[in-house]
Amino acid sequence: EDQHGNCNVSGSNISVDLPLGRWVCEQRYLRRRGELLESRVQALDSIGFQWHVGSGNNYPTDKWKAQFERLKEYEDQHGNCDVSKSNNSVNLPLRRWVGDQRRRRREGKLRPSREQALDSIGFQWHVGPGNHHSTDKWTAKFDRLKVYEDQHGNCDVPTKYSQDPPLGHWVAEQRK
């Protein structure tokens, strides 16, 4: 990943590092069979490991990051990430991408690192009628703080809380 900017070791570049290529293929194979330990899946997910390579991989890391940056710009301009409310045809590809992220999460196919990135900018996973609090970032963070308090018995979230960095930063801001 450090050399290439991604973890996309596919058939086209396996010959460059044959042992790594074989190991990567084995990890993909073990996961498909349900034999790869969840802790190893999570470790590989945390560095952006690509489980599916080739034409079936709809959102390679570069494309995902580009759309994520567009979404951050949208959020800066509009104060929310609800592109579905946008009638602007310029935002149609972004609106489709946002819908795809919601679907992937619902189906359990969204990488945890991507979910955390979207959470960090106040992404709303559920939109539509009856979801009045979804645009209230403060309430969403407060709800996550309540979960932390239930789990840890206190609200002393470290500023660099590795399991939920945005929560750690938010709590630090509240204390200022």
Protein backbone atom coordinates (compact mmCIF):
# COMPACT_ATOMS: atom_id res chain seq x y z
CA GLU A 1 0.00 0.00 0.00
CA ASP A 2 2.81 2.45 0.86
CA GLN A 3 4.44 1.96 -2.55
CA HIS A 4 1.33 1.88 -4.74
CA GLY A 5 -1.25 3.85 -2.75
CA ASN A 6 -3.64 0.90 -2.65
CA CYS A 7 -3.90 -2.76 -1.74
CA ASN A 8 -5.01 -3.87 -5.18
CA VAL A 9 -2.72 -6.83 -5.77
CA SER A 10 -4.31 -8.46 -8.79
CA GLY A 11 -3.30 -10.95 -11.43
CA SER A 12 -1.68 -8.23 -13.53
CA ASN A 13 0.93 -7.36 -10.90
CA ILE A 14 1.34 -10.59 -8.92
CA SER A 15 4.52 -11.45 -10.83
CA VAL A 16 6.22 -8.36 -9.37
CA ASP A 17 6.13 -9.93 -5.90
CA LEU A 18 5.12 -13.56 -6.29
CA PRO A 19 5.06 -14.48 -2.55
CA LEU A 20 2.88 -11.44 -1.77
CA GLY A 21 0.62 -12.22 -4.70
CA ARG A 22 0.12 -15.80 -3.55
CA TRP A 23 -0.54 -14.66 0.02
CA VAL A 24 -3.11 -12.09 -1.16
CA CYS A 25 -4.87 -14.70 -3.30
CA GLU A 26 -4.96 -17.04 -0.32
CA GLN A 27 -6.52 -14.37 1.92
CA ARG A 28 -9.25 -13.71 -0.65
CA TYR A 29 -9.86 -17.44 -1.05
CA LEU A 30 -10.07 -18.04 2.71
CA ARG A 31 -12.51 -15.16 3.14
CA ARG A 32 -14.75 -16.43 0.32
CA ARG A 33 -14.88 -19.80 2.09
CA GLY A 34 -15.58 -18.14 5.45
CA GLU A 35 -12.33 -19.50 6.89
CA LEU A 36 -10.46 -16.23 7.46
CA LEU A 37 -10.53 -15.02 11.07
CA GLU A 38 -12.66 -11.91 11.52
CA SER A 39 -9.75 -10.13 13.21
CA ARG A 40 -7.70 -10.66 10.06
CA VAL A 41 -10.55 -9.44 7.84
CA GLN A 42 -10.78 -6.31 9.98
CA ALA A 43 -7.01 -5.78 9.88
CA LEU A 44 -6.99 -6.05 6.10
CA ASP A 45 -10.07 -3.80 5.82
CA SER A 46 -8.34 -1.19 7.95
CA ILE A 47 -5.63 -0.72 5.31
CA GLY A 48 -8.06 -0.68 2.38
CA PHE A 49 -7.45 -4.27 1.22
CA GLN A 50 -9.43 -4.96 -1.94
CA TRP A 51 -11.31 -8.23 -1.66
CA HIS A 52 -12.53 -8.14 -5.25
CA VAL A 53 -10.32 -6.96 -8.07
CA GLY A 54 -10.97 -6.47 -11.74
CA SER A 55 -14.16 -5.44 -13.50
CA GLY A 56 -16.39 -6.52 -10.61
CA ASN A 57 -14.86 -3.93 -8.28
CA ASN A 58 -17.21 -0.99 -8.80
CA TYR A 59 -15.47 1.46 -6.51
CA PRO A 60 -11.71 1.15 -6.49
CA THR A 61 -10.07 3.22 -3.80
CA ASP A 62 -9.19 6.16 -6.07
CA LYS A 63 -12.74 6.53 -7.40
CA TRP A 64 -14.22 6.15 -3.93
CA LYS A 65 -11.92 8.83 -2.52
CA ALA A 66 -12.79 11.19 -5.39
CA GLN A 67 -16.51 10.81 -4.73
CA PHE A 68 -15.93 11.17 -0.99
CA GLU A 69 -14.12 14.47 -1.63
CA ARG A 70 -17.05 15.65 -3.77
CA LEU A 71 -19.41 14.74 -0.95
CA LYS A 72 -17.30 16.71 1.55
CA GLU A 73 -17.47 19.73 -0.77
CA TYR A 74 -21.23 19.30 -1.02
CA GLU A 75 -21.50 19.13 2.77
CA ASP A 76 -19.40 22.29 3.12
CA GLN A 77 -21.71 24.15 0.73
CA HIS A 78 -25.06 22.81 1.94
CA GLY A 79 -24.45 21.94 5.59
CA ASN A 80 -25.51 18.32 5.10
CA CYS A 81 -24.73 15.22 3.06
CA ASP A 82 -28.26 14.66 1.80
CA VAL A 83 -27.57 14.81 -1.92
CA SER A 84 -30.88 13.03 -2.52
CA LYS A 85 -32.66 16.36 -1.95
CA SER A 86 -30.63 18.01 -4.69
CA ASN A 87 -32.52 18.67 -7.91
CA ASN A 88 -29.30 19.64 -9.65
CA SER A 89 -28.46 17.24 -12.49
CA VAL A 90 -24.77 18.03 -11.91
CA ASN A 91 -25.08 16.12 -8.63
CA LEU A 92 -26.70 13.05 -10.20
CA PRO A 93 -23.52 10.90 -10.17
CA LEU A 94 -22.86 11.92 -6.55
CA ARG A 95 -26.49 11.20 -5.62
CA ARG A 96 -26.16 7.72 -7.13
CA TRP A 97 -22.88 7.15 -5.30
CA VAL A 98 -24.45 8.23 -1.98
CA GLY A 99 -27.34 5.82 -2.54
CA ASP A 100 -24.86 3.07 -3.34
CA GLN A 101 -22.99 3.68 -0.06
CA ARG A 102 -26.26 3.36 1.88
CA ARG A 103 -27.11 0.14 0.04
CA ARG A 104 -23.62 -1.32 0.59
CA ARG A 105 -23.84 -0.57 4.31
CA ARG A 106 -27.31 -2.14 4.55
CA GLU A 107 -25.98 -5.26 2.83
CA GLY A 108 -22.87 -5.36 5.05
CA LYS A 109 -20.56 -4.75 2.07
CA LEU A 110 -19.21 -1.31 3.01
CA ARG A 111 -15.69 -1.32 4.43
CA PRO A 112 -15.57 -0.17 8.06
CA SER A 113 -12.95 2.45 7.16
CA ARG A 114 -15.30 3.93 4.56
CA GLU A 115 -18.24 3.91 6.96
CA GLN A 116 -16.11 5.75 9.53
CA ALA A 117 -15.02 8.28 6.92
CA LEU A 118 -18.64 8.96 5.98
CA ASP A 119 -19.65 9.16 9.65
CA SER A 120 -16.90 11.72 10.23
CA ILE A 121 -18.61 14.22 7.93
CA GLY A 122 -22.12 13.65 9.30
CA PHE A 123 -23.34 11.27 6.59
CA GLN A 124 -26.98 10.32 7.06
CA TRP A 125 -27.54 6.61 6.66
CA HIS A 126 -31.32 6.84 6.79
CA VAL A 127 -33.14 9.59 4.95
CA GLY A 128 -36.75 10.38 4.32
CA PRO A 129 -39.87 11.10 6.37
CA GLY A 130 -39.56 10.59 10.10
CA ASN A 131 -35.84 11.14 10.21
CA HIS A 132 -35.81 14.67 11.60
CA HIS A 133 -32.71 14.26 13.73
CA SER A 134 -30.52 12.97 10.91
CA THR A 135 -29.29 16.42 9.94
CA ASP A 136 -28.43 17.33 13.49
CA LYS A 137 -24.76 16.38 13.74
CA TRP A 138 -24.61 17.34 17.41
CA THR A 139 -27.42 14.95 18.33
CA ALA A 140 -25.82 12.16 16.33
CA LYS A 141 -22.48 12.62 18.10
CA PHE A 142 -24.24 12.88 21.47
CA ASP A 143 -25.97 9.56 20.76
CA ARG A 144 -22.56 7.99 20.03
CA LEU A 145 -21.23 9.46 23.28
CA LYS A 146 -24.11 7.80 25.17
CA VAL A 147 -23.14 4.45 23.64
CA TYR A 148 -19.52 5.05 24.70
CA GLU A 149 -20.68 5.90 28.23
CA ASP A 150 -22.78 2.72 28.38
CA GLN A 151 -19.77 0.64 27.32
CA HIS A 152 -17.07 2.35 29.41
CA GLY A 153 -18.96 3.79 32.38
CA ASN A 154 -17.72 7.31 31.68
CA CYS A 155 -17.55 10.00 29.00
CA ASP A 156 -13.76 10.32 29.02
CA VAL A 157 -13.32 9.67 25.31
CA PRO A 158 -9.66 10.11 24.34
CA THR A 159 -9.10 12.79 21.70
CA LYS A 160 -7.37 10.18 19.55
CA TYR A 161 -9.93 7.42 20.13
CA SER A 162 -8.95 4.84 17.51
CA GLN A 163 -12.36 3.13 17.39
CA ASP A 164 -14.21 6.38 16.60
CA PRO A 165 -11.81 9.28 15.89
CA PRO A 166 -14.60 11.78 15.05
CA LEU A 167 -16.19 11.14 18.46
CA GLY A 168 -12.91 11.80 20.25
CA HIS A 169 -12.46 15.09 18.42
CA TRP A 170 -16.09 16.09 19.01
CA VAL A 171 -15.84 15.46 22.77
CA ALA A 172 -12.62 17.52 22.89
CA GLU A 173 -14.41 20.37 21.13
CA GLN A 174 -17.30 20.23 23.59
CA ARG A 175 -14.87 20.61 26.47
CA LYS A 176 -13.33 23.83 25.08
